[in-house]
Amino acid sequence: MADIDFDITDQDIEVVTNQLKVLSNPDRLKILRHLLDGEVNVQTIEKLTEIHQPTLSQQLTVLRKSEMVSTRRDGKQIFYQIADPKVLVLMQTFHDLYCEEPA
């Protein structure tokens, strides 16, 4: 087993736990997967994820309140993008740990 330095405060544990709770929802992971390449509007997110209103709206709100994504309005359209670079690292780590086929 690797020697891991896990010097973490109670406050840090709360932050990590809250972030993991946000990421533990399959719909939110689907949304984030489609935001990895950049900004996407709500209609496209709905089409790509097959998550319909109002569920999509609820899940986007959770991601926005957790500051994982940000929004930009252009006329009537709302665009979402990943706002926290740590999300990119987490998504890559999840992929590396759980999605790649063993060599």
PDB file of N, CA and C in Angstrom:
ATOM      1  N   MET A   1       0.843  -1.185   0.000  1.00  0.00           N
ATOM      2  CA  MET A   1       0.000   0.000   0.000  1.00  0.00           C
ATOM      3  C   MET A   1       0.881   1.237   0.000  1.00  0.00           C
ATOM      4  N   ALA A   2       0.508   2.226  -0.748  1.00  0.00           N
ATOM      5  CA  ALA A   2       1.280   3.460  -0.844  1.00  0.00           C
ATOM      6  C   ALA A   2       1.174   4.251   0.452  1.00  0.00           C
ATOM      7  N   ASP A   3       2.243   4.972   0.759  1.00  0.00           N
ATOM      8  CA  ASP A   3       2.247   5.855   1.922  1.00  0.00           C
ATOM      9  C   ASP A   3       1.530   7.137   1.526  1.00  0.00           C
ATOM     10  N   ILE A   4       0.322   7.314   2.012  1.00  0.00           N
ATOM     11  CA  ILE A   4      -0.512   8.448   1.619  1.00  0.00           C
ATOM     12  C   ILE A   4      -0.577   9.454   2.759  1.00  0.00           C
ATOM     13  N   ASP A   5      -0.278  10.703   2.437  1.00  0.00           N
ATOM     14  CA  ASP A   5      -0.408  11.788   3.413  1.00  0.00           C
ATOM     15  C   ASP A   5      -1.840  12.304   3.325  1.00  0.00           C
ATOM     16  N   PHE A   6      -2.625  11.995   4.318  1.00  0.00           N
ATOM     17  CA  PHE A   6      -4.039  12.391   4.317  1.00  0.00           C
ATOM     18  C   PHE A   6      -4.310  13.274   5.520  1.00  0.00           C
ATOM     19  N   ASP A   7      -3.566  14.371   5.578  1.00  0.00           N
ATOM     20  CA  ASP A   7      -3.743  15.351   6.643  1.00  0.00           C
ATOM     21  C   ASP A   7      -4.897  16.251   6.235  1.00  0.00           C
ATOM     22  N   ILE A   8      -6.068  15.945   6.757  1.00  0.00           N
ATOM     23  CA  ILE A   8      -7.285  16.636   6.323  1.00  0.00           C
ATOM     24  C   ILE A   8      -8.056  17.104   7.552  1.00  0.00           C
ATOM     25  N   THR A   9      -8.495  18.340   7.495  1.00  0.00           N
ATOM     26  CA  THR A   9      -9.242  18.912   8.622  1.00  0.00           C
ATOM     27  C   THR A   9     -10.713  18.523   8.526  1.00  0.00           C
ATOM     28  N   ASP A  10     -11.437  18.735   9.608  1.00  0.00           N
ATOM     29  CA  ASP A  10     -12.877  18.484   9.588  1.00  0.00           C
ATOM     30  C   ASP A  10     -13.565  19.370   8.558  1.00  0.00           C
ATOM     31  N   GLN A  11     -13.098  20.607   8.416  1.00  0.00           N
ATOM     32  CA  GLN A  11     -13.675  21.515   7.424  1.00  0.00           C
ATOM     33  C   GLN A  11     -13.414  20.985   6.006  1.00  0.00           C
ATOM     34  N   ASP A  12     -12.198  20.479   5.771  1.00  0.00           N
ATOM     35  CA  ASP A  12     -11.873  19.895   4.472  1.00  0.00           C
ATOM     36  C   ASP A  12     -12.769  18.693   4.177  1.00  0.00           C
ATOM     37  N   ILE A  13     -12.982  17.871   5.196  1.00  0.00           N
ATOM     38  CA  ILE A  13     -13.827  16.688   5.030  1.00  0.00           C
ATOM     39  C   ILE A  13     -15.234  17.094   4.618  1.00  0.00           C
ATOM     40  N   GLU A  14     -15.746  18.158   5.216  1.00  0.00           N
ATOM     41  CA  GLU A  14     -17.087  18.631   4.859  1.00  0.00           C
ATOM     42  C   GLU A  14     -17.135  19.086   3.397  1.00  0.00           C
ATOM     43  N   VAL A  15     -16.115  19.813   2.963  1.00  0.00           N
ATOM     44  CA  VAL A  15     -16.058  20.280   1.570  1.00  0.00           C
ATOM     45  C   VAL A  15     -16.016  19.083   0.616  1.00  0.00           C
ATOM     46  N   VAL A  16     -15.137  18.130   0.891  1.00  0.00           N
ATOM     47  CA  VAL A  16     -15.000  16.951   0.037  1.00  0.00           C
ATOM     48  C   VAL A  16     -16.303  16.165  -0.004  1.00  0.00           C
ATOM     49  N   THR A  17     -16.911  15.969   1.152  1.00  0.00           N
ATOM     50  CA  THR A  17     -18.170  15.231   1.225  1.00  0.00           C
ATOM     51  C   THR A  17     -19.255  15.903   0.398  1.00  0.00           C
ATOM     52  N   ASN A  18     -19.367  17.214   0.505  1.00  0.00           N
ATOM     53  CA  ASN A  18     -20.381  17.944  -0.270  1.00  0.00           C
ATOM     54  C   ASN A  18     -20.136  17.814  -1.761  1.00  0.00           C
ATOM     55  N   GLN A  19     -18.881  17.893  -2.187  1.00  0.00           N
ATOM     56  CA  GLN A  19     -18.582  17.766  -3.608  1.00  0.00           C
ATOM     57  C   GLN A  19     -18.892  16.348  -4.099  1.00  0.00           C
ATOM     58  N   LEU A  20     -18.531  15.363  -3.318  1.00  0.00           N
ATOM     59  CA  LEU A  20     -18.819  13.977  -3.707  1.00  0.00           C
ATOM     60  C   LEU A  20     -20.318  13.709  -3.776  1.00  0.00           C
ATOM     61  N   LYS A  21     -21.094  14.329  -2.909  1.00  0.00           N
ATOM     62  CA  LYS A  21     -22.550  14.181  -2.968  1.00  0.00           C
ATOM     63  C   LYS A  21     -23.080  14.718  -4.291  1.00  0.00           C
ATOM     64  N   VAL A  22     -22.547  15.848  -4.723  1.00  0.00           N
ATOM     65  CA  VAL A  22     -22.980  16.425  -6.002  1.00  0.00           C
ATOM     66  C   VAL A  22     -22.619  15.473  -7.135  1.00  0.00           C
ATOM     67  N   LEU A  23     -21.431  14.918  -7.101  1.00  0.00           N
ATOM     68  CA  LEU A  23     -20.964  14.050  -8.179  1.00  0.00           C
ATOM     69  C   LEU A  23     -21.569  12.648  -8.136  1.00  0.00           C
ATOM     70  N   SER A  24     -22.239  12.303  -7.059  1.00  0.00           N
ATOM     71  CA  SER A  24     -22.765  10.941  -6.918  1.00  0.00           C
ATOM     72  C   SER A  24     -24.055  10.695  -7.695  1.00  0.00           C
ATOM     73  N   ASN A  25     -24.586  11.720  -8.338  1.00  0.00           N
ATOM     74  CA  ASN A  25     -25.832  11.572  -9.087  1.00  0.00           C
ATOM     75  C   ASN A  25     -25.529  11.254 -10.553  1.00  0.00           C
ATOM     76  N   PRO A  26     -26.080  10.166 -11.104  1.00  0.00           N
ATOM     77  CA  PRO A  26     -25.794   9.793 -12.498  1.00  0.00           C
ATOM     78  C   PRO A  26     -26.160  10.889 -13.509  1.00  0.00           C
ATOM     79  N   ASP A  27     -27.273  11.577 -13.302  1.00  0.00           N
ATOM     80  CA  ASP A  27     -27.661  12.633 -14.244  1.00  0.00           C
ATOM     81  C   ASP A  27     -26.638  13.765 -14.245  1.00  0.00           C
ATOM     82  N   ARG A  28     -26.139  14.126 -13.089  1.00  0.00           N
ATOM     83  CA  ARG A  28     -25.151  15.205 -13.021  1.00  0.00           C
ATOM     84  C   ARG A  28     -23.845  14.786 -13.680  1.00  0.00           C
ATOM     85  N   LEU A  29     -23.440  13.521 -13.513  1.00  0.00           N
ATOM     86  CA  LEU A  29     -22.236  13.044 -14.198  1.00  0.00           C
ATOM     87  C   LEU A  29     -22.427  13.047 -15.712  1.00  0.00           C
ATOM     88  N   LYS A  30     -23.612  12.678 -16.177  1.00  0.00           N
ATOM     89  CA  LYS A  30     -23.895  12.732 -17.622  1.00  0.00           C
ATOM     90  C   LYS A  30     -23.760  14.156 -18.141  1.00  0.00           C
ATOM     91  N   ILE A  31     -24.305  15.098 -17.397  1.00  0.00           N
ATOM     92  CA  ILE A  31     -24.223  16.505 -17.807  1.00  0.00           C
ATOM     93  C   ILE A  31     -22.762  16.938 -17.873  1.00  0.00           C
ATOM     94  N   LEU A  32     -22.007  16.664 -16.825  1.00  0.00           N
ATOM     95  CA  LEU A  32     -20.603  17.067 -16.794  1.00  0.00           C
ATOM     96  C   LEU A  32     -19.810  16.422 -17.921  1.00  0.00           C
ATOM     97  N   ARG A  33     -20.117  15.182 -18.231  1.00  0.00           N
ATOM     98  CA  ARG A  33     -19.423  14.501 -19.334  1.00  0.00           C
ATOM     99  C   ARG A  33     -19.564  15.291 -20.626  1.00  0.00           C
ATOM    100  N   HIS A  34     -20.739  15.855 -20.862  1.00  0.00           N
ATOM    101  CA  HIS A  34     -20.966  16.588 -22.105  1.00  0.00           C
ATOM    102  C   HIS A  34     -20.445  18.021 -22.050  1.00  0.00           C
ATOM    103  N   LEU A  35     -20.045  18.467 -20.881  1.00  0.00           N
ATOM    104  CA  LEU A  35     -19.453  19.802 -20.759  1.00  0.00           C
ATOM    105  C   LEU A  35     -17.927  19.764 -20.782  1.00  0.00           C
ATOM    106  N   LEU A  36     -17.352  18.588 -20.836  1.00  0.00           N
ATOM    107  CA  LEU A  36     -15.899  18.472 -20.794  1.00  0.00           C
ATOM    108  C   LEU A  36     -15.217  19.181 -21.962  1.00  0.00           C
ATOM    109  N   ASP A  37     -15.865  19.199 -23.115  1.00  0.00           N
ATOM    110  CA  ASP A  37     -15.254  19.818 -24.296  1.00  0.00           C
ATOM    111  C   ASP A  37     -15.575  21.296 -24.426  1.00  0.00           C
ATOM    112  N   GLY A  38     -16.373  21.829 -23.510  1.00  0.00           N
ATOM    113  CA  GLY A  38     -16.673  23.256 -23.562  1.00  0.00           C
ATOM    114  C   GLY A  38     -18.138  23.552 -23.336  1.00  0.00           C
ATOM    115  N   GLU A  39     -18.477  24.773 -23.654  1.00  0.00           N
ATOM    116  CA  GLU A  39     -19.802  25.336 -23.394  1.00  0.00           C
ATOM    117  C   GLU A  39     -20.883  24.671 -24.256  1.00  0.00           C
ATOM    118  N   VAL A  40     -22.033  24.384 -23.611  1.00  0.00           N
ATOM    119  CA  VAL A  40     -23.159  23.745 -24.305  1.00  0.00           C
ATOM    120  C   VAL A  40     -24.448  24.393 -23.828  1.00  0.00           C
ATOM    121  N   ASN A  41     -25.398  24.617 -24.759  1.00  0.00           N
ATOM    122  CA  ASN A  41     -26.670  25.216 -24.345  1.00  0.00           C
ATOM    123  C   ASN A  41     -27.610  24.154 -23.775  1.00  0.00           C
ATOM    124  N   VAL A  42     -28.606  24.612 -23.059  1.00  0.00           N
ATOM    125  CA  VAL A  42     -29.515  23.718 -22.333  1.00  0.00           C
ATOM    126  C   VAL A  42     -30.213  22.742 -23.275  1.00  0.00           C
ATOM    127  N   GLN A  43     -30.659  23.219 -24.421  1.00  0.00           N
ATOM    128  CA  GLN A  43     -31.370  22.337 -25.360  1.00  0.00           C
ATOM    129  C   GLN A  43     -30.462  21.201 -25.834  1.00  0.00           C
ATOM    130  N   THR A  44     -29.211  21.511 -26.076  1.00  0.00           N
ATOM    131  CA  THR A  44     -28.267  20.482 -26.509  1.00  0.00           C
ATOM    132  C   THR A  44     -27.965  19.512 -25.378  1.00  0.00           C
ATOM    133  N   ILE A  45     -27.829  20.027 -24.165  1.00  0.00           N
ATOM    134  CA  ILE A  45     -27.611  19.144 -23.004  1.00  0.00           C
ATOM    135  C   ILE A  45     -28.784  18.171 -22.877  1.00  0.00           C
ATOM    136  N   GLU A  46     -29.990  18.684 -23.029  1.00  0.00           N
ATOM    137  CA  GLU A  46     -31.183  17.828 -22.933  1.00  0.00           C
ATOM    138  C   GLU A  46     -31.137  16.732 -23.991  1.00  0.00           C
ATOM    139  N   LYS A  47     -30.784  17.098 -25.202  1.00  0.00           N
ATOM    140  CA  LYS A  47     -30.727  16.130 -26.315  1.00  0.00           C
ATOM    141  C   LYS A  47     -29.624  15.093 -26.081  1.00  0.00           C
ATOM    142  N   LEU A  48     -28.452  15.545 -25.675  1.00  0.00           N
ATOM    143  CA  LEU A  48     -27.318  14.639 -25.493  1.00  0.00           C
ATOM    144  C   LEU A  48     -27.503  13.684 -24.322  1.00  0.00           C
ATOM    145  N   THR A  49     -28.078  14.176 -23.238  1.00  0.00           N
ATOM    146  CA  THR A  49     -28.206  13.367 -22.023  1.00  0.00           C
ATOM    147  C   THR A  49     -29.513  12.601 -21.934  1.00  0.00           C
ATOM    148  N   GLU A  50     -30.502  13.036 -22.723  1.00  0.00           N
ATOM    149  CA  GLU A  50     -31.856  12.476 -22.655  1.00  0.00           C
ATOM    150  C   GLU A  50     -32.464  12.660 -21.269  1.00  0.00           C
ATOM    151  N   ILE A  51     -32.061  13.738 -20.597  1.00  0.00           N
ATOM    152  CA  ILE A  51     -32.652  14.131 -19.312  1.00  0.00           C
ATOM    153  C   ILE A  51     -33.619  15.261 -19.629  1.00  0.00           C
ATOM    154  N   HIS A  52     -34.875  15.074 -19.295  1.00  0.00           N
ATOM    155  CA  HIS A  52     -35.898  16.040 -19.680  1.00  0.00           C
ATOM    156  C   HIS A  52     -36.231  16.988 -18.530  1.00  0.00           C
ATOM    157  N   GLN A  53     -36.824  18.106 -18.905  1.00  0.00           N
ATOM    158  CA  GLN A  53     -37.305  19.076 -17.920  1.00  0.00           C
ATOM    159  C   GLN A  53     -38.393  18.397 -17.100  1.00  0.00           C
ATOM    160  N   PRO A  54     -38.565  18.685 -15.818  1.00  0.00           N
ATOM    161  CA  PRO A  54     -37.811  19.623 -14.997  1.00  0.00           C
ATOM    162  C   PRO A  54     -36.562  19.027 -14.362  1.00  0.00           C
ATOM    163  N   THR A  55     -36.335  17.704 -14.556  1.00  0.00           N
ATOM    164  CA  THR A  55     -35.174  17.057 -13.938  1.00  0.00           C
ATOM    165  C   THR A  55     -33.872  17.722 -14.368  1.00  0.00           C
ATOM    166  N   LEU A  56     -33.745  18.031 -15.649  1.00  0.00           N
ATOM    167  CA  LEU A  56     -32.533  18.672 -16.146  1.00  0.00           C
ATOM    168  C   LEU A  56     -32.298  19.999 -15.438  1.00  0.00           C
ATOM    169  N   SER A  57     -33.340  20.785 -15.329  1.00  0.00           N
ATOM    170  CA  SER A  57     -33.230  22.078 -14.660  1.00  0.00           C
ATOM    171  C   SER A  57     -32.790  21.912 -13.207  1.00  0.00           C
ATOM    172  N   GLN A  58     -33.354  20.933 -12.522  1.00  0.00           N
ATOM    173  CA  GLN A  58     -32.990  20.683 -11.121  1.00  0.00           C
ATOM    174  C   GLN A  58     -31.522  20.303 -10.993  1.00  0.00           C
ATOM    175  N   GLN A  59     -31.063  19.425 -11.875  1.00  0.00           N
ATOM    176  CA  GLN A  59     -29.681  18.960 -11.791  1.00  0.00           C
ATOM    177  C   GLN A  59     -28.690  20.063 -12.177  1.00  0.00           C
ATOM    178  N   LEU A  60     -29.043  20.879 -13.157  1.00  0.00           N
ATOM    179  CA  LEU A  60     -28.192  22.012 -13.518  1.00  0.00           C
ATOM    180  C   LEU A  60     -28.112  23.023 -12.373  1.00  0.00           C
ATOM    181  N   THR A  61     -29.207  23.204 -11.662  1.00  0.00           N
ATOM    182  CA  THR A  61     -29.212  24.107 -10.509  1.00  0.00           C
ATOM    183  C   THR A  61     -28.267  23.605  -9.424  1.00  0.00           C
ATOM    184  N   VAL A  62     -28.291  22.306  -9.158  1.00  0.00           N
ATOM    185  CA  VAL A  62     -27.384  21.736  -8.152  1.00  0.00           C
ATOM    186  C   VAL A  62     -25.931  21.966  -8.571  1.00  0.00           C
ATOM    187  N   LEU A  63     -25.620  21.716  -9.832  1.00  0.00           N
ATOM    188  CA  LEU A  63     -24.255  21.919 -10.316  1.00  0.00           C
ATOM    189  C   LEU A  63     -23.841  23.385 -10.238  1.00  0.00           C
ATOM    190  N   ARG A  64     -24.762  24.267 -10.549  1.00  0.00           N
ATOM    191  CA  ARG A  64     -24.474  25.709 -10.499  1.00  0.00           C
ATOM    192  C   ARG A  64     -24.270  26.172  -9.055  1.00  0.00           C
ATOM    193  N   LYS A  65     -25.142  25.733  -8.137  1.00  0.00           N
ATOM    194  CA  LYS A  65     -25.017  26.131  -6.722  1.00  0.00           C
ATOM    195  C   LYS A  65     -23.743  25.583  -6.087  1.00  0.00           C
ATOM    196  N   SER A  66     -23.269  24.461  -6.574  1.00  0.00           N
ATOM    197  CA  SER A  66     -22.023  23.895  -6.057  1.00  0.00           C
ATOM    198  C   SER A  66     -20.801  24.551  -6.708  1.00  0.00           C
ATOM    199  N   GLU A  67     -21.056  25.451  -7.642  1.00  0.00           N
ATOM    200  CA  GLU A  67     -20.029  26.200  -8.372  1.00  0.00           C
ATOM    201  C   GLU A  67     -19.161  25.312  -9.251  1.00  0.00           C
ATOM    202  N   MET A  68     -19.710  24.165  -9.646  1.00  0.00           N
ATOM    203  CA  MET A  68     -18.997  23.297 -10.583  1.00  0.00           C
ATOM    204  C   MET A  68     -19.185  23.778 -12.012  1.00  0.00           C
ATOM    205  N   VAL A  69     -20.332  24.401 -12.279  1.00  0.00           N
ATOM    206  CA  VAL A  69     -20.596  24.948 -13.611  1.00  0.00           C
ATOM    207  C   VAL A  69     -20.994  26.415 -13.495  1.00  0.00           C
ATOM    208  N   SER A  70     -20.834  27.112 -14.593  1.00  0.00           N
ATOM    209  CA  SER A  70     -21.287  28.499 -14.670  1.00  0.00           C
ATOM    210  C   SER A  70     -22.169  28.639 -15.905  1.00  0.00           C
ATOM    211  N   THR A  71     -22.887  29.753 -15.975  1.00  0.00           N
ATOM    212  CA  THR A  71     -23.810  29.973 -17.083  1.00  0.00           C
ATOM    213  C   THR A  71     -23.490  31.274 -17.800  1.00  0.00           C
ATOM    214  N   ARG A  72     -23.943  31.299 -19.038  1.00  0.00           N
ATOM    215  CA  ARG A  72     -23.886  32.507 -19.847  1.00  0.00           C
ATOM    216  C   ARG A  72     -25.176  32.557 -20.647  1.00  0.00           C
ATOM    217  N   ARG A  73     -25.802  33.716 -20.664  1.00  0.00           N
ATOM    218  CA  ARG A  73     -27.043  33.879 -21.416  1.00  0.00           C
ATOM    219  C   ARG A  73     -26.736  34.590 -22.728  1.00  0.00           C
ATOM    220  N   ASP A  74     -27.326  34.077 -23.797  1.00  0.00           N
ATOM    221  CA  ASP A  74     -27.241  34.708 -25.108  1.00  0.00           C
ATOM    222  C   ASP A  74     -28.659  34.729 -25.671  1.00  0.00           C
ATOM    223  N   GLY A  75     -29.313  35.867 -25.522  1.00  0.00           N
ATOM    224  CA  GLY A  75     -30.717  35.955 -25.911  1.00  0.00           C
ATOM    225  C   GLY A  75     -31.549  35.080 -24.996  1.00  0.00           C
ATOM    226  N   LYS A  76     -32.297  34.161 -25.609  1.00  0.00           N
ATOM    227  CA  LYS A  76     -33.139  33.258 -24.821  1.00  0.00           C
ATOM    228  C   LYS A  76     -32.410  31.979 -24.420  1.00  0.00           C
ATOM    229  N   GLN A  77     -31.220  31.783 -24.946  1.00  0.00           N
ATOM    230  CA  GLN A  77     -30.497  30.544 -24.670  1.00  0.00           C
ATOM    231  C   GLN A  77     -29.553  30.719 -23.473  1.00  0.00           C
ATOM    232  N   ILE A  78     -29.450  29.651 -22.683  1.00  0.00           N
ATOM    233  CA  ILE A  78     -28.519  29.624 -21.570  1.00  0.00           C
ATOM    234  C   ILE A  78     -27.475  28.553 -21.871  1.00  0.00           C
ATOM    235  N   PHE A  79     -26.228  28.952 -21.746  1.00  0.00           N
ATOM    236  CA  PHE A  79     -25.105  28.062 -21.997  1.00  0.00           C
ATOM    237  C   PHE A  79     -24.439  27.717 -20.667  1.00  0.00           C
ATOM    238  N   TYR A  80     -24.028  26.456 -20.537  1.00  0.00           N
ATOM    239  CA  TYR A  80     -23.340  25.983 -19.345  1.00  0.00           C
ATOM    240  C   TYR A  80     -21.926  25.564 -19.711  1.00  0.00           C
ATOM    241  N   GLN A  81     -21.022  25.771 -18.751  1.00  0.00           N
ATOM    242  CA  GLN A  81     -19.655  25.295 -18.912  1.00  0.00           C
ATOM    243  C   GLN A  81     -19.102  24.920 -17.547  1.00  0.00           C
ATOM    244  N   ILE A  82     -18.092  24.089 -17.542  1.00  0.00           N
ATOM    245  CA  ILE A  82     -17.450  23.719 -16.283  1.00  0.00           C
ATOM    246  C   ILE A  82     -16.698  24.938 -15.763  1.00  0.00           C
ATOM    247  N   ALA A  83     -16.952  25.273 -14.510  1.00  0.00           N
ATOM    248  CA  ALA A  83     -16.358  26.465 -13.911  1.00  0.00           C
ATOM    249  C   ALA A  83     -15.194  26.133 -12.990  1.00  0.00           C
ATOM    250  N   ASP A  84     -15.183  24.944 -12.444  1.00  0.00           N
ATOM    251  CA  ASP A  84     -14.165  24.560 -11.475  1.00  0.00           C
ATOM    252  C   ASP A  84     -13.203  23.568 -12.129  1.00  0.00           C
ATOM    253  N   PRO A  85     -11.941  23.957 -12.327  1.00  0.00           N
ATOM    254  CA  PRO A  85     -10.991  23.053 -12.975  1.00  0.00           C
ATOM    255  C   PRO A  85     -10.782  21.743 -12.221  1.00  0.00           C
ATOM    256  N   LYS A  86     -11.091  21.723 -10.929  1.00  0.00           N
ATOM    257  CA  LYS A  86     -10.968  20.476 -10.162  1.00  0.00           C
ATOM    258  C   LYS A  86     -11.944  19.423 -10.684  1.00  0.00           C
ATOM    259  N   VAL A  87     -13.061  19.869 -11.254  1.00  0.00           N
ATOM    260  CA  VAL A  87     -14.034  18.930 -11.820  1.00  0.00           C
ATOM    261  C   VAL A  87     -13.402  18.169 -12.984  1.00  0.00           C
ATOM    262  N   LEU A  88     -12.608  18.855 -13.784  1.00  0.00           N
ATOM    263  CA  LEU A  88     -11.931  18.198 -14.906  1.00  0.00           C
ATOM    264  C   LEU A  88     -10.984  17.119 -14.400  1.00  0.00           C
ATOM    265  N   VAL A  89     -10.244  17.422 -13.340  1.00  0.00           N
ATOM    266  CA  VAL A  89      -9.316  16.455 -12.754  1.00  0.00           C
ATOM    267  C   VAL A  89     -10.088  15.263 -12.200  1.00  0.00           C
ATOM    268  N   LEU A  90     -11.182  15.532 -11.499  1.00  0.00           N
ATOM    269  CA  LEU A  90     -11.992  14.448 -10.943  1.00  0.00           C
ATOM    270  C   LEU A  90     -12.568  13.559 -12.034  1.00  0.00           C
ATOM    271  N   MET A  91     -13.103  14.170 -13.086  1.00  0.00           N
ATOM    272  CA  MET A  91     -13.694  13.392 -14.176  1.00  0.00           C
ATOM    273  C   MET A  91     -12.629  12.522 -14.851  1.00  0.00           C
ATOM    274  N   GLN A  92     -11.423  13.075 -15.058  1.00  0.00           N
ATOM    275  CA  GLN A  92     -10.334  12.285 -15.650  1.00  0.00           C
ATOM    276  C   GLN A  92      -9.939  11.150 -14.713  1.00  0.00           C
ATOM    277  N   THR A  93      -9.887  11.438 -13.422  1.00  0.00           N
ATOM    278  CA  THR A  93      -9.526  10.416 -12.436  1.00  0.00           C
ATOM    279  C   THR A  93     -10.567   9.308 -12.404  1.00  0.00           C
ATOM    280  N   PHE A  94     -11.855   9.675 -12.413  1.00  0.00           N
ATOM    281  CA  PHE A  94     -12.921   8.670 -12.450  1.00  0.00           C
ATOM    282  C   PHE A  94     -12.749   7.780 -13.682  1.00  0.00           C
ATOM    283  N   HIS A  95     -12.478   8.409 -14.802  1.00  0.00           N
ATOM    284  CA  HIS A  95     -12.298   7.645 -16.048  1.00  0.00           C
ATOM    285  C   HIS A  95     -11.113   6.693 -15.923  1.00  0.00           C
ATOM    286  N   ASP A  96      -9.984   7.215 -15.442  1.00  0.00           N
ATOM    287  CA  ASP A  96      -8.782   6.400 -15.321  1.00  0.00           C
ATOM    288  C   ASP A  96      -8.987   5.231 -14.373  1.00  0.00           C
ATOM    289  N   LEU A  97      -9.698   5.463 -13.279  1.00  0.00           N
ATOM    290  CA  LEU A  97      -9.883   4.418 -12.271  1.00  0.00           C
ATOM    291  C   LEU A  97     -10.956   3.394 -12.631  1.00  0.00           C
ATOM    292  N   TYR A  98     -12.031   3.862 -13.260  1.00  0.00           N
ATOM    293  CA  TYR A  98     -13.201   2.995 -13.396  1.00  0.00           C
ATOM    294  C   TYR A  98     -13.631   2.673 -14.826  1.00  0.00           C
ATOM    295  N   CYS A  99     -13.107   3.396 -15.807  1.00  0.00           N
ATOM    296  CA  CYS A  99     -13.643   3.236 -17.153  1.00  0.00           C
ATOM    297  C   CYS A  99     -12.681   2.611 -18.146  1.00  0.00           C
ATOM    298  N   GLU A 100     -11.402   2.690 -17.901  1.00  0.00           N
ATOM    299  CA  GLU A 100     -10.462   2.142 -18.866  1.00  0.00           C
ATOM    300  C   GLU A 100     -10.327   0.641 -18.710  1.00  0.00           C
ATOM    301  N   GLU A 101     -10.177  -0.013 -19.846  1.00  0.00           N
ATOM    302  CA  GLU A 101      -9.975  -1.455 -19.852  1.00  0.00           C
ATOM    303  C   GLU A 101      -8.551  -1.756 -19.379  1.00  0.00           C
ATOM    304  N   PRO A 102      -8.369  -2.806 -18.598  1.00  0.00           N
ATOM    305  CA  PRO A 102      -7.007  -3.173 -18.194  1.00  0.00           C
ATOM    306  C   PRO A 102      -6.171  -3.576 -19.397  1.00  0.00           C
ATOM    307  N   ALA A 103      -4.895  -3.258 -19.346  1.00  0.00           N
ATOM    308  CA  ALA A 103      -3.997  -3.561 -20.479  1.00  0.00           C
ATOM    309  C   ALA A 103      -3.661  -5.031 -20.531  1.00  0.00           C
TER     310      ALA A 103
END
